[in-house]
Amino acid sequence: MITKTVRSRFNHEVGEKVEGCTILEVRVVIPPQPSERRLGVYDYVVEVPPAPVNAREPHSKRKAATAAVAAAPAQGSFVRSTPDEMGGRVIRRVPSR
């Protein structure tokens, strides 16, 4: 069982869920003061659910990311595309009057 401490300004009870984890223990850091309308601060020791076994990125995604970098043209070999290659979309600038 893996645990961690979560700090919150909201009061929860043992057994409730906070951030997807079950509360095991509650400790009051700063007590609330209702007369000043101030919330308290609480530390919760929570049980962390086990991480999935395949949490790492699959090799196929890593290879695809590196292949995209390798497919880029070499530095200095870039050629501008013509208007026909761009699909006929040309930006024309109108001179000022």
PDB file of N, CA and C in Angstrom:
ATOM      1  N   MET A   1       0.846  -1.180   0.000  1.00  0.00           N
ATOM      2  CA  MET A   1       0.000   0.000   0.000  1.00  0.00           C
ATOM      3  C   MET A   1       0.890   1.241   0.000  1.00  0.00           C
ATOM      4  N   ILE A   2       0.661   2.109  -0.977  1.00  0.00           N
ATOM      5  CA  ILE A   2       1.419   3.347  -1.096  1.00  0.00           C
ATOM      6  C   ILE A   2       0.533   4.478  -0.589  1.00  0.00           C
ATOM      7  N   THR A   3       1.129   5.364   0.224  1.00  0.00           N
ATOM      8  CA  THR A   3       0.372   6.497   0.746  1.00  0.00           C
ATOM      9  C   THR A   3       1.064   7.795   0.375  1.00  0.00           C
ATOM     10  N   LYS A   4       0.286   8.870   0.384  1.00  0.00           N
ATOM     11  CA  LYS A   4       0.834  10.211   0.206  1.00  0.00           C
ATOM     12  C   LYS A   4      -0.007  11.176   1.025  1.00  0.00           C
ATOM     13  N   THR A   5       0.505  12.374   1.234  1.00  0.00           N
ATOM     14  CA  THR A   5      -0.198  13.391   2.001  1.00  0.00           C
ATOM     15  C   THR A   5      -0.754  14.440   1.050  1.00  0.00           C
ATOM     16  N   VAL A   6      -2.038  14.753   1.228  1.00  0.00           N
ATOM     17  CA  VAL A   6      -2.715  15.749   0.414  1.00  0.00           C
ATOM     18  C   VAL A   6      -3.194  16.854   1.346  1.00  0.00           C
ATOM     19  N   ARG A   7      -2.898  18.114   1.013  1.00  0.00           N
ATOM     20  CA  ARG A   7      -3.350  19.244   1.827  1.00  0.00           C
ATOM     21  C   ARG A   7      -4.558  19.873   1.154  1.00  0.00           C
ATOM     22  N   SER A   8      -5.576  20.172   1.959  1.00  0.00           N
ATOM     23  CA  SER A   8      -6.807  20.730   1.419  1.00  0.00           C
ATOM     24  C   SER A   8      -7.398  21.735   2.396  1.00  0.00           C
ATOM     25  N   ARG A   9      -8.186  22.661   1.878  1.00  0.00           N
ATOM     26  CA  ARG A   9      -8.882  23.630   2.725  1.00  0.00           C
ATOM     27  C   ARG A   9     -10.293  23.162   3.048  1.00  0.00           C
ATOM     28  N   PHE A  10     -10.664  21.982   2.556  1.00  0.00           N
ATOM     29  CA  PHE A  10     -12.018  21.476   2.786  1.00  0.00           C
ATOM     30  C   PHE A  10     -11.978  20.306   3.746  1.00  0.00           C
ATOM     31  N   ASN A  11     -12.980  20.224   4.618  1.00  0.00           N
ATOM     32  CA  ASN A  11     -13.038  19.198   5.646  1.00  0.00           C
ATOM     33  C   ASN A  11     -13.692  17.937   5.081  1.00  0.00           C
ATOM     34  N   HIS A  12     -12.961  16.819   5.102  1.00  0.00           N
ATOM     35  CA  HIS A  12     -13.465  15.523   4.662  1.00  0.00           C
ATOM     36  C   HIS A  12     -13.289  14.521   5.794  1.00  0.00           C
ATOM     37  N   GLU A  13     -14.017  13.437   5.728  1.00  0.00           N
ATOM     38  CA  GLU A  13     -13.947  12.396   6.749  1.00  0.00           C
ATOM     39  C   GLU A  13     -13.120  11.219   6.248  1.00  0.00           C
ATOM     40  N   VAL A  14     -12.656  10.386   7.190  1.00  0.00           N
ATOM     41  CA  VAL A  14     -11.918   9.180   6.858  1.00  0.00           C
ATOM     42  C   VAL A  14     -12.821   8.272   6.025  1.00  0.00           C
ATOM     43  N   GLY A  15     -12.273   7.733   4.937  1.00  0.00           N
ATOM     44  CA  GLY A  15     -13.027   6.859   4.054  1.00  0.00           C
ATOM     45  C   GLY A  15     -13.542   7.554   2.805  1.00  0.00           C
ATOM     46  N   GLU A  16     -13.593   8.890   2.809  1.00  0.00           N
ATOM     47  CA  GLU A  16     -14.025   9.620   1.624  1.00  0.00           C
ATOM     48  C   GLU A  16     -12.906   9.620   0.590  1.00  0.00           C
ATOM     49  N   LYS A  17     -13.240  10.075  -0.606  1.00  0.00           N
ATOM     50  CA  LYS A  17     -12.260  10.156  -1.701  1.00  0.00           C
ATOM     51  C   LYS A  17     -11.804  11.597  -1.880  1.00  0.00           C
ATOM     52  N   VAL A  18     -10.488  11.779  -2.015  1.00  0.00           N
ATOM     53  CA  VAL A  18      -9.894  13.074  -2.329  1.00  0.00           C
ATOM     54  C   VAL A  18      -8.893  12.829  -3.450  1.00  0.00           C
ATOM     55  N   GLU A  19      -9.032  13.551  -4.564  1.00  0.00           N
ATOM     56  CA  GLU A  19      -8.151  13.400  -5.725  1.00  0.00           C
ATOM     57  C   GLU A  19      -8.087  11.947  -6.189  1.00  0.00           C
ATOM     58  N   GLY A  20      -9.176  11.231  -6.078  1.00  0.00           N
ATOM     59  CA  GLY A  20      -9.230   9.848  -6.532  1.00  0.00           C
ATOM     60  C   GLY A  20      -8.591   8.856  -5.584  1.00  0.00           C
ATOM     61  N   CYS A  21      -8.212   9.287  -4.376  1.00  0.00           N
ATOM     62  CA  CYS A  21      -7.572   8.421  -3.386  1.00  0.00           C
ATOM     63  C   CYS A  21      -8.444   8.357  -2.136  1.00  0.00           C
ATOM     64  N   THR A  22      -8.357   7.249  -1.404  1.00  0.00           N
ATOM     65  CA  THR A  22      -9.159   7.056  -0.197  1.00  0.00           C
ATOM     66  C   THR A  22      -8.427   7.634   1.011  1.00  0.00           C
ATOM     67  N   ILE A  23      -9.145   8.417   1.832  1.00  0.00           N
ATOM     68  CA  ILE A  23      -8.554   9.035   3.024  1.00  0.00           C
ATOM     69  C   ILE A  23      -8.380   7.981   4.108  1.00  0.00           C
ATOM     70  N   LEU A  24      -7.163   7.907   4.662  1.00  0.00           N
ATOM     71  CA  LEU A  24      -6.864   6.989   5.765  1.00  0.00           C
ATOM     72  C   LEU A  24      -6.768   7.721   7.093  1.00  0.00           C
ATOM     73  N   GLU A  25      -6.286   8.973   7.068  1.00  0.00           N
ATOM     74  CA  GLU A  25      -6.049   9.713   8.311  1.00  0.00           C
ATOM     75  C   GLU A  25      -6.221  11.204   8.028  1.00  0.00           C
ATOM     76  N   VAL A  26      -6.773  11.935   9.025  1.00  0.00           N
ATOM     77  CA  VAL A  26      -7.000  13.374   8.900  1.00  0.00           C
ATOM     78  C   VAL A  26      -6.227  14.076  10.005  1.00  0.00           C
ATOM     79  N   ARG A  27      -5.535  15.194   9.637  1.00  0.00           N
ATOM     80  CA  ARG A  27      -4.826  15.993  10.631  1.00  0.00           C
ATOM     81  C   ARG A  27      -5.153  17.457  10.361  1.00  0.00           C
ATOM     82  N   VAL A  28      -5.549  18.194  11.400  1.00  0.00           N
ATOM     83  CA  VAL A  28      -5.898  19.607  11.264  1.00  0.00           C
ATOM     84  C   VAL A  28      -4.619  20.424  11.373  1.00  0.00           C
ATOM     85  N   VAL A  29      -4.279  21.176  10.330  1.00  0.00           N
ATOM     86  CA  VAL A  29      -3.085  22.024  10.335  1.00  0.00           C
ATOM     87  C   VAL A  29      -3.437  23.387  10.913  1.00  0.00           C
ATOM     88  N   ILE A  30      -4.513  23.988  10.388  1.00  0.00           N
ATOM     89  CA  ILE A  30      -5.019  25.264  10.907  1.00  0.00           C
ATOM     90  C   ILE A  30      -6.511  25.089  11.140  1.00  0.00           C
ATOM     91  N   PRO A  31      -6.990  25.268  12.373  1.00  0.00           N
ATOM     92  CA  PRO A  31      -8.420  25.074  12.635  1.00  0.00           C
ATOM     93  C   PRO A  31      -9.252  26.175  11.975  1.00  0.00           C
ATOM     94  N   PRO A  32     -10.473  25.842  11.576  1.00  0.00           N
ATOM     95  CA  PRO A  32     -11.335  26.865  10.959  1.00  0.00           C
ATOM     96  C   PRO A  32     -11.828  27.874  11.999  1.00  0.00           C
ATOM     97  N   GLN A  33     -12.107  29.096  11.543  1.00  0.00           N
ATOM     98  CA  GLN A  33     -12.645  30.139  12.411  1.00  0.00           C
ATOM     99  C   GLN A  33     -13.916  30.690  11.759  1.00  0.00           C
ATOM    100  N   PRO A  34     -15.075  30.093  12.097  1.00  0.00           N
ATOM    101  CA  PRO A  34     -16.332  30.525  11.463  1.00  0.00           C
ATOM    102  C   PRO A  34     -16.662  31.994  11.725  1.00  0.00           C
ATOM    103  N   SER A  35     -16.233  32.546  12.882  1.00  0.00           N
ATOM    104  CA  SER A  35     -16.554  33.948  13.179  1.00  0.00           C
ATOM    105  C   SER A  35     -15.883  34.884  12.171  1.00  0.00           C
ATOM    106  N   GLU A  36     -14.728  34.481  11.641  1.00  0.00           N
ATOM    107  CA  GLU A  36     -14.025  35.286  10.640  1.00  0.00           C
ATOM    108  C   GLU A  36     -14.260  34.760   9.223  1.00  0.00           C
ATOM    109  N   ARG A  37     -15.163  33.760   9.105  1.00  0.00           N
ATOM    110  CA  ARG A  37     -15.462  33.111   7.824  1.00  0.00           C
ATOM    111  C   ARG A  37     -14.196  32.585   7.160  1.00  0.00           C
ATOM    112  N   ARG A  38     -13.337  31.947   7.971  1.00  0.00           N
ATOM    113  CA  ARG A  38     -12.075  31.403   7.468  1.00  0.00           C
ATOM    114  C   ARG A  38     -12.126  29.884   7.497  1.00  0.00           C
ATOM    115  N   LEU A  39     -11.792  29.262   6.367  1.00  0.00           N
ATOM    116  CA  LEU A  39     -11.723  27.807   6.304  1.00  0.00           C
ATOM    117  C   LEU A  39     -10.471  27.315   7.006  1.00  0.00           C
ATOM    118  N   GLY A  40     -10.506  26.075   7.441  1.00  0.00           N
ATOM    119  CA  GLY A  40      -9.327  25.465   8.025  1.00  0.00           C
ATOM    120  C   GLY A  40      -8.446  24.866   6.949  1.00  0.00           C
ATOM    121  N   VAL A  41      -7.285  24.364   7.371  1.00  0.00           N
ATOM    122  CA  VAL A  41      -6.374  23.660   6.469  1.00  0.00           C
ATOM    123  C   VAL A  41      -6.175  22.273   7.042  1.00  0.00           C
ATOM    124  N   TYR A  42      -6.316  21.265   6.186  1.00  0.00           N
ATOM    125  CA  TYR A  42      -6.271  19.881   6.635  1.00  0.00           C
ATOM    126  C   TYR A  42      -5.243  19.103   5.815  1.00  0.00           C
ATOM    127  N   ASP A  43      -4.531  18.190   6.485  1.00  0.00           N
ATOM    128  CA  ASP A  43      -3.651  17.245   5.812  1.00  0.00           C
ATOM    129  C   ASP A  43      -4.336  15.891   5.828  1.00  0.00           C
ATOM    130  N   TYR A  44      -4.389  15.244   4.679  1.00  0.00           N
ATOM    131  CA  TYR A  44      -4.992  13.925   4.568  1.00  0.00           C
ATOM    132  C   TYR A  44      -3.932  12.928   4.131  1.00  0.00           C
ATOM    133  N   VAL A  45      -3.780  11.837   4.892  1.00  0.00           N
ATOM    134  CA  VAL A  45      -2.956  10.723   4.452  1.00  0.00           C
ATOM    135  C   VAL A  45      -3.885   9.835   3.647  1.00  0.00           C
ATOM    136  N   VAL A  46      -3.562   9.651   2.361  1.00  0.00           N
ATOM    137  CA  VAL A  46      -4.446   8.912   1.466  1.00  0.00           C
ATOM    138  C   VAL A  46      -3.735   7.706   0.884  1.00  0.00           C
ATOM    139  N   GLU A  47      -4.520   6.689   0.558  1.00  0.00           N
ATOM    140  CA  GLU A  47      -4.003   5.494  -0.093  1.00  0.00           C
ATOM    141  C   GLU A  47      -4.034   5.727  -1.593  1.00  0.00           C
ATOM    142  N   VAL A  48      -2.865   5.592  -2.232  1.00  0.00           N
ATOM    143  CA  VAL A  48      -2.756   5.819  -3.666  1.00  0.00           C
ATOM    144  C   VAL A  48      -3.063   4.516  -4.386  1.00  0.00           C
ATOM    145  N   PRO A  49      -3.957   4.537  -5.379  1.00  0.00           N
ATOM    146  CA  PRO A  49      -4.223   3.309  -6.127  1.00  0.00           C
ATOM    147  C   PRO A  49      -2.982   2.909  -6.922  1.00  0.00           C
ATOM    148  N   PRO A  50      -2.783   1.608  -7.139  1.00  0.00           N
ATOM    149  CA  PRO A  50      -1.596   1.167  -7.872  1.00  0.00           C
ATOM    150  C   PRO A  50      -1.604   1.709  -9.295  1.00  0.00           C
ATOM    151  N   ALA A  51      -0.411   2.059  -9.770  1.00  0.00           N
ATOM    152  CA  ALA A  51      -0.274   2.592 -11.122  1.00  0.00           C
ATOM    153  C   ALA A  51      -0.439   1.460 -12.130  1.00  0.00           C
ATOM    154  N   PRO A  52      -0.972   1.761 -13.308  1.00  0.00           N
ATOM    155  CA  PRO A  52      -1.098   0.717 -14.326  1.00  0.00           C
ATOM    156  C   PRO A  52       0.275   0.211 -14.744  1.00  0.00           C
ATOM    157  N   VAL A  53       0.326  -1.071 -15.126  1.00  0.00           N
ATOM    158  CA  VAL A  53       1.601  -1.699 -15.465  1.00  0.00           C
ATOM    159  C   VAL A  53       2.209  -1.060 -16.703  1.00  0.00           C
ATOM    160  N   ASN A  54       1.399  -0.789 -17.728  1.00  0.00           N
ATOM    161  CA  ASN A  54       1.899  -0.224 -18.971  1.00  0.00           C
ATOM    162  C   ASN A  54       1.763   1.291 -18.959  1.00  0.00           C
ATOM    163  N   ALA A  55       2.352   1.948 -17.977  1.00  0.00           N
ATOM    164  CA  ALA A  55       2.251   3.391 -17.857  1.00  0.00           C
ATOM    165  C   ALA A  55       3.191   4.096 -18.826  1.00  0.00           C
ATOM    166  N   ARG A  56       4.186   3.371 -19.359  1.00  0.00           N
ATOM    167  CA  ARG A  56       5.138   3.989 -20.277  1.00  0.00           C
ATOM    168  C   ARG A  56       4.525   4.134 -21.661  1.00  0.00           C
ATOM    169  N   GLU A  57       5.104   5.028 -22.429  1.00  0.00           N
ATOM    170  CA  GLU A  57       4.657   5.247 -23.797  1.00  0.00           C
ATOM    171  C   GLU A  57       5.090   4.061 -24.658  1.00  0.00           C
ATOM    172  N   PRO A  58       4.214   3.529 -25.487  1.00  0.00           N
ATOM    173  CA  PRO A  58       4.592   2.397 -26.325  1.00  0.00           C
ATOM    174  C   PRO A  58       5.711   2.772 -27.299  1.00  0.00           C
ATOM    175  N   HIS A  59       6.484   1.771 -27.694  1.00  0.00           N
ATOM    176  CA  HIS A  59       7.618   2.019 -28.578  1.00  0.00           C
ATOM    177  C   HIS A  59       7.172   2.568 -29.922  1.00  0.00           C
ATOM    178  N   SER A  60       6.008   2.163 -30.404  1.00  0.00           N
ATOM    179  CA  SER A  60       5.548   2.613 -31.714  1.00  0.00           C
ATOM    180  C   SER A  60       5.353   4.127 -31.733  1.00  0.00           C
ATOM    181  N   LYS A  61       4.869   4.718 -30.636  1.00  0.00           N
ATOM    182  CA  LYS A  61       4.681   6.169 -30.590  1.00  0.00           C
ATOM    183  C   LYS A  61       6.030   6.875 -30.581  1.00  0.00           C
ATOM    184  N   ARG A  62       6.983   6.317 -29.821  1.00  0.00           N
ATOM    185  CA  ARG A  62       8.303   6.937 -29.787  1.00  0.00           C
ATOM    186  C   ARG A  62       8.960   6.881 -31.149  1.00  0.00           C
ATOM    187  N   LYS A  63       8.830   5.759 -31.856  1.00  0.00           N
ATOM    188  CA  LYS A  63       9.431   5.626 -33.180  1.00  0.00           C
ATOM    189  C   LYS A  63       8.772   6.580 -34.158  1.00  0.00           C
ATOM    190  N   ALA A  64       7.458   6.756 -34.048  1.00  0.00           N
ATOM    191  CA  ALA A  64       6.750   7.664 -34.943  1.00  0.00           C
ATOM    192  C   ALA A  64       7.204   9.100 -34.710  1.00  0.00           C
ATOM    193  N   ALA A  65       7.431   9.479 -33.464  1.00  0.00           N
ATOM    194  CA  ALA A  65       7.869  10.838 -33.148  1.00  0.00           C
ATOM    195  C   ALA A  65       9.274  11.090 -33.703  1.00  0.00           C
ATOM    196  N   THR A  66      10.161  10.117 -33.595  1.00  0.00           N
ATOM    197  CA  THR A  66      11.515  10.296 -34.112  1.00  0.00           C
ATOM    198  C   THR A  66      11.527  10.219 -35.631  1.00  0.00           C
ATOM    199  N   ALA A  67      10.609   9.463 -36.238  1.00  0.00           N
ATOM    200  CA  ALA A  67      10.537   9.376 -37.695  1.00  0.00           C
ATOM    201  C   ALA A  67      10.079  10.706 -38.281  1.00  0.00           C
ATOM    202  N   ALA A  68       9.190  11.410 -37.588  1.00  0.00           N
ATOM    203  CA  ALA A  68       8.720  12.698 -38.076  1.00  0.00           C
ATOM    204  C   ALA A  68       9.859  13.706 -38.087  1.00  0.00           C
ATOM    205  N   VAL A  69      10.742  13.627 -37.107  1.00  0.00           N
ATOM    206  CA  VAL A  69      11.893  14.523 -37.064  1.00  0.00           C
ATOM    207  C   VAL A  69      12.849  14.166 -38.190  1.00  0.00           C
ATOM    208  N   ALA A  70      13.040  12.882 -38.459  1.00  0.00           N
ATOM    209  CA  ALA A  70      13.953  12.443 -39.497  1.00  0.00           C
ATOM    210  C   ALA A  70      13.407  12.774 -40.880  1.00  0.00           C
ATOM    211  N   ALA A  71      12.088  12.903 -41.070  1.00  0.00           N
ATOM    212  CA  ALA A  71      11.489  13.170 -42.361  1.00  0.00           C
ATOM    213  C   ALA A  71      11.606  14.638 -42.759  1.00  0.00           C
ATOM    214  N   ALA A  72      11.973  15.514 -41.848  1.00  0.00           N
ATOM    215  CA  ALA A  72      12.118  16.927 -42.152  1.00  0.00           C
ATOM    216  C   ALA A  72      13.287  17.112 -43.111  1.00  0.00           C
ATOM    217  N   PRO A  73      13.182  18.092 -44.023  1.00  0.00           N
ATOM    218  CA  PRO A  73      14.273  18.299 -44.974  1.00  0.00           C
ATOM    219  C   PRO A  73      15.545  18.740 -44.259  1.00  0.00           C
ATOM    220  N   ALA A  74      16.659  18.395 -44.838  1.00  0.00           N
ATOM    221  CA  ALA A  74      17.952  18.762 -44.252  1.00  0.00           C
ATOM    222  C   ALA A  74      18.109  20.274 -44.299  1.00  0.00           C
ATOM    223  N   GLN A  75      18.890  20.806 -43.381  1.00  0.00           N
ATOM    224  CA  GLN A  75      19.069  22.242 -43.297  1.00  0.00           C
ATOM    225  C   GLN A  75      19.754  22.752 -44.568  1.00  0.00           C
ATOM    226  N   GLY A  76      19.213  23.813 -45.160  1.00  0.00           N
ATOM    227  CA  GLY A  76      19.780  24.385 -46.365  1.00  0.00           C
ATOM    228  C   GLY A  76      19.190  23.791 -47.638  1.00  0.00           C
ATOM    229  N   SER A  77      18.346  22.766 -47.550  1.00  0.00           N
ATOM    230  CA  SER A  77      17.787  22.149 -48.741  1.00  0.00           C
ATOM    231  C   SER A  77      16.314  22.507 -48.928  1.00  0.00           C
ATOM    232  N   PHE A  78      15.825  23.491 -48.211  1.00  0.00           N
ATOM    233  CA  PHE A  78      14.417  23.848 -48.288  1.00  0.00           C
ATOM    234  C   PHE A  78      14.151  24.676 -49.540  1.00  0.00           C
ATOM    235  N   VAL A  79      13.061  24.325 -50.252  1.00  0.00           N
ATOM    236  CA  VAL A  79      12.666  25.037 -51.460  1.00  0.00           C
ATOM    237  C   VAL A  79      11.248  25.559 -51.241  1.00  0.00           C
ATOM    238  N   ARG A  80      11.010  26.806 -51.615  1.00  0.00           N
ATOM    239  CA  ARG A  80       9.679  27.378 -51.460  1.00  0.00           C
ATOM    240  C   ARG A  80       8.715  26.721 -52.418  1.00  0.00           C
ATOM    241  N   SER A  81       7.469  26.556 -51.979  1.00  0.00           N
ATOM    242  CA  SER A  81       6.458  25.967 -52.851  1.00  0.00           C
ATOM    243  C   SER A  81       5.855  27.053 -53.736  1.00  0.00           C
ATOM    244  N   THR A  82       5.448  26.650 -54.916  1.00  0.00           N
ATOM    245  CA  THR A  82       4.845  27.582 -55.863  1.00  0.00           C
ATOM    246  C   THR A  82       3.367  27.732 -55.527  1.00  0.00           C
ATOM    247  N   PRO A  83       2.690  28.747 -56.092  1.00  0.00           N
ATOM    248  CA  PRO A  83       1.248  28.899 -55.833  1.00  0.00           C
ATOM    249  C   PRO A  83       0.440  27.675 -56.252  1.00  0.00           C
ATOM    250  N   ASP A  84       0.880  26.995 -57.333  1.00  0.00           N
ATOM    251  CA  ASP A  84       0.175  25.788 -57.767  1.00  0.00           C
ATOM    252  C   ASP A  84       0.300  24.687 -56.723  1.00  0.00           C
ATOM    253  N   GLU A  85       1.457  24.558 -56.106  1.00  0.00           N
ATOM    254  CA  GLU A  85       1.669  23.531 -55.080  1.00  0.00           C
ATOM    255  C   GLU A  85       0.896  23.849 -53.808  1.00  0.00           C
ATOM    256  N   MET A  86       0.655  25.138 -53.575  1.00  0.00           N
ATOM    257  CA  MET A  86      -0.072  25.533 -52.372  1.00  0.00           C
ATOM    258  C   MET A  86      -1.571  25.413 -52.563  1.00  0.00           C
ATOM    259  N   GLY A  87      -2.028  24.972 -53.714  1.00  0.00           N
ATOM    260  CA  GLY A  87      -3.460  24.808 -53.947  1.00  0.00           C
ATOM    261  C   GLY A  87      -4.110  26.050 -54.503  1.00  0.00           C
ATOM    262  N   GLY A  88      -3.326  26.930 -55.092  1.00  0.00           N
ATOM    263  CA  GLY A  88      -3.892  28.113 -55.716  1.00  0.00           C
ATOM    264  C   GLY A  88      -4.269  29.202 -54.735  1.00  0.00           C
ATOM    265  N   ARG A  89      -3.945  29.022 -53.461  1.00  0.00           N
ATOM    266  CA  ARG A  89      -4.273  30.025 -52.452  1.00  0.00           C
ATOM    267  C   ARG A  89      -3.142  31.039 -52.394  1.00  0.00           C
ATOM    268  N   VAL A  90      -3.374  32.199 -52.958  1.00  0.00           N
ATOM    269  CA  VAL A  90      -2.329  33.218 -53.025  1.00  0.00           C
ATOM    270  C   VAL A  90      -2.807  34.417 -52.232  1.00  0.00           C
ATOM    271  N   ILE A  91      -1.933  34.997 -51.452  1.00  0.00           N
ATOM    272  CA  ILE A  91      -2.254  36.190 -50.686  1.00  0.00           C
ATOM    273  C   ILE A  91      -1.735  37.383 -51.483  1.00  0.00           C
ATOM    274  N   ARG A  92      -2.641  38.265 -51.840  1.00  0.00           N
ATOM    275  CA  ARG A  92      -2.238  39.443 -52.599  1.00  0.00           C
ATOM    276  C   ARG A  92      -2.345  40.644 -51.696  1.00  0.00           C
ATOM    277  N   ARG A  93      -1.365  41.475 -51.755  1.00  0.00           N
ATOM    278  CA  ARG A  93      -1.360  42.681 -50.942  1.00  0.00           C
ATOM    279  C   ARG A  93      -1.840  43.861 -51.778  1.00  0.00           C
ATOM    280  N   VAL A  94      -2.759  44.641 -51.228  1.00  0.00           N
ATOM    281  CA  VAL A  94      -3.294  45.797 -51.921  1.00  0.00           C
ATOM    282  C   VAL A  94      -2.474  47.006 -51.494  1.00  0.00           C
ATOM    283  N   PRO A  95      -1.958  47.758 -52.478  1.00  0.00           N
ATOM    284  CA  PRO A  95      -1.146  48.929 -52.113  1.00  0.00           C
ATOM    285  C   PRO A  95      -1.996  49.999 -51.423  1.00  0.00           C
ATOM    286  N   SER A  96      -1.363  50.759 -50.554  1.00  0.00           N
ATOM    287  CA  SER A  96      -2.083  51.820 -49.846  1.00  0.00           C
ATOM    288  C   SER A  96      -2.388  52.958 -50.820  1.00  0.00           C
ATOM    289  N   ARG A  97      -3.438  53.721 -50.583  1.00  0.00           N
ATOM    290  CA  ARG A  97      -3.846  54.797 -51.513  1.00  0.00           C
ATOM    291  C   ARG A  97      -3.250  56.102 -51.155  1.00  0.00           C
TER     292      ARG A  97
END
